[in-house]
């Protein structure tokens, strides 16, 4: 949801809103906090591996996330 709102809001703000509008700056900060929370949650969320089943070890979760979607999430932030 945050990516969809960001994809719509950013071009609109750049095209039609004057600089210094604090409302849109606050909204962007809230979105950035939401992306940050998403990254933290992904670092502690178990995942399923077909070979080993449900993986709940934090080190394995972090390694798996860093090898995959972490970089997409960082760019989106």
Protein backbone atom coordinates (compact mmCIF):
# COMPACT_ATOMS: atom_id res chain seq x y z
CA UNK A 1 0.00 0.00 0.00
CA UNK A 2 2.81 2.41 0.86
CA UNK A 3 4.46 1.90 -2.51
CA UNK A 4 1.19 2.61 -4.33
CA UNK A 5 0.60 5.79 -2.32
CA UNK A 6 4.21 6.88 -2.85
CA UNK A 7 3.97 6.21 -6.59
CA UNK A 8 0.87 8.41 -6.80
CA UNK A 9 1.74 11.08 -4.23
CA UNK A 10 5.32 11.89 -5.27
CA UNK A 11 4.63 12.84 -8.91
CA UNK A 12 1.55 14.81 -7.82
CA UNK A 13 3.53 16.71 -5.19
CA UNK A 14 6.40 17.45 -7.56
CA UNK A 15 4.05 18.66 -10.30
CA UNK A 16 1.36 20.60 -8.46
CA UNK A 17 2.39 21.44 -4.89
CA UNK A 18 4.60 24.38 -3.95
CA UNK A 19 7.77 23.74 -1.99
CA UNK A 20 7.45 24.16 1.75
CA UNK A 21 4.06 22.45 2.12
CA UNK A 22 4.45 20.75 5.49
CA UNK A 23 1.46 18.46 5.06
CA UNK A 24 3.10 16.47 2.28
CA UNK A 25 6.44 16.46 4.12
CA UNK A 26 4.74 14.93 7.17
CA UNK A 27 3.00 12.34 4.97
CA UNK A 28 6.35 11.39 3.40
CA UNK A 29 7.93 11.03 6.85
CA UNK A 30 5.07 8.73 7.91
CA UNK A 31 5.61 6.64 4.76
CA UNK A 32 9.36 6.42 5.46
CA UNK A 33 8.63 5.27 9.02
CA UNK A 34 6.24 2.66 7.60
CA UNK A 35 8.93 1.35 5.26
CA UNK A 36 11.39 1.24 8.18
CA UNK A 37 8.95 -0.78 10.28
CA UNK A 38 8.45 -3.15 7.33
CA UNK A 39 12.19 -3.76 7.16
CA UNK A 40 12.40 -4.47 10.90
CA UNK A 41 9.43 -6.85 10.77
CA UNK A 42 10.99 -8.74 7.84
CA UNK A 43 14.20 -9.21 9.82
CA UNK A 44 12.30 -11.02 12.60
CA UNK A 45 9.60 -12.88 10.62
CA UNK A 46 9.98 -16.62 10.17
CA UNK A 47 9.93 -18.02 6.66
CA UNK A 48 9.21 -21.42 5.14
CA UNK A 49 11.96 -23.43 3.47
CA UNK A 50 10.74 -26.49 1.52
CA UNK A 51 13.76 -28.49 2.63
CA UNK A 52 13.85 -27.59 6.35
CA UNK A 53 10.31 -26.40 7.08
CA UNK A 54 9.60 -23.28 9.11
CA UNK A 55 12.80 -21.33 9.83
CA UNK A 56 12.66 -19.38 13.10
CA UNK A 57 16.38 -18.82 13.79
CA UNK A 58 17.01 -15.05 13.70
CA UNK A 59 20.41 -15.38 12.04
CA UNK A 60 19.00 -17.54 9.25
CA UNK A 61 16.04 -15.19 8.81
CA UNK A 62 18.35 -12.17 8.52
CA UNK A 63 20.64 -13.93 6.01
CA UNK A 64 17.67 -14.99 3.90
CA UNK A 65 16.19 -11.47 3.93
CA UNK A 66 19.53 -9.85 3.09
CA UNK A 67 19.92 -12.20 0.11
CA UNK A 68 16.45 -11.36 -1.19
CA UNK A 69 13.93 -8.59 -0.68
CA UNK A 70 16.04 -6.40 1.62
CA UNK A 71 17.60 -4.55 -1.31
CA UNK A 72 14.22 -3.89 -2.91
CA UNK A 73 12.93 -2.53 0.40
CA UNK A 74 15.97 -0.28 0.88
CA UNK A 75 15.59 1.21 -2.60
CA UNK A 76 11.87 1.76 -1.97
CA UNK A 77 12.61 3.58 1.24
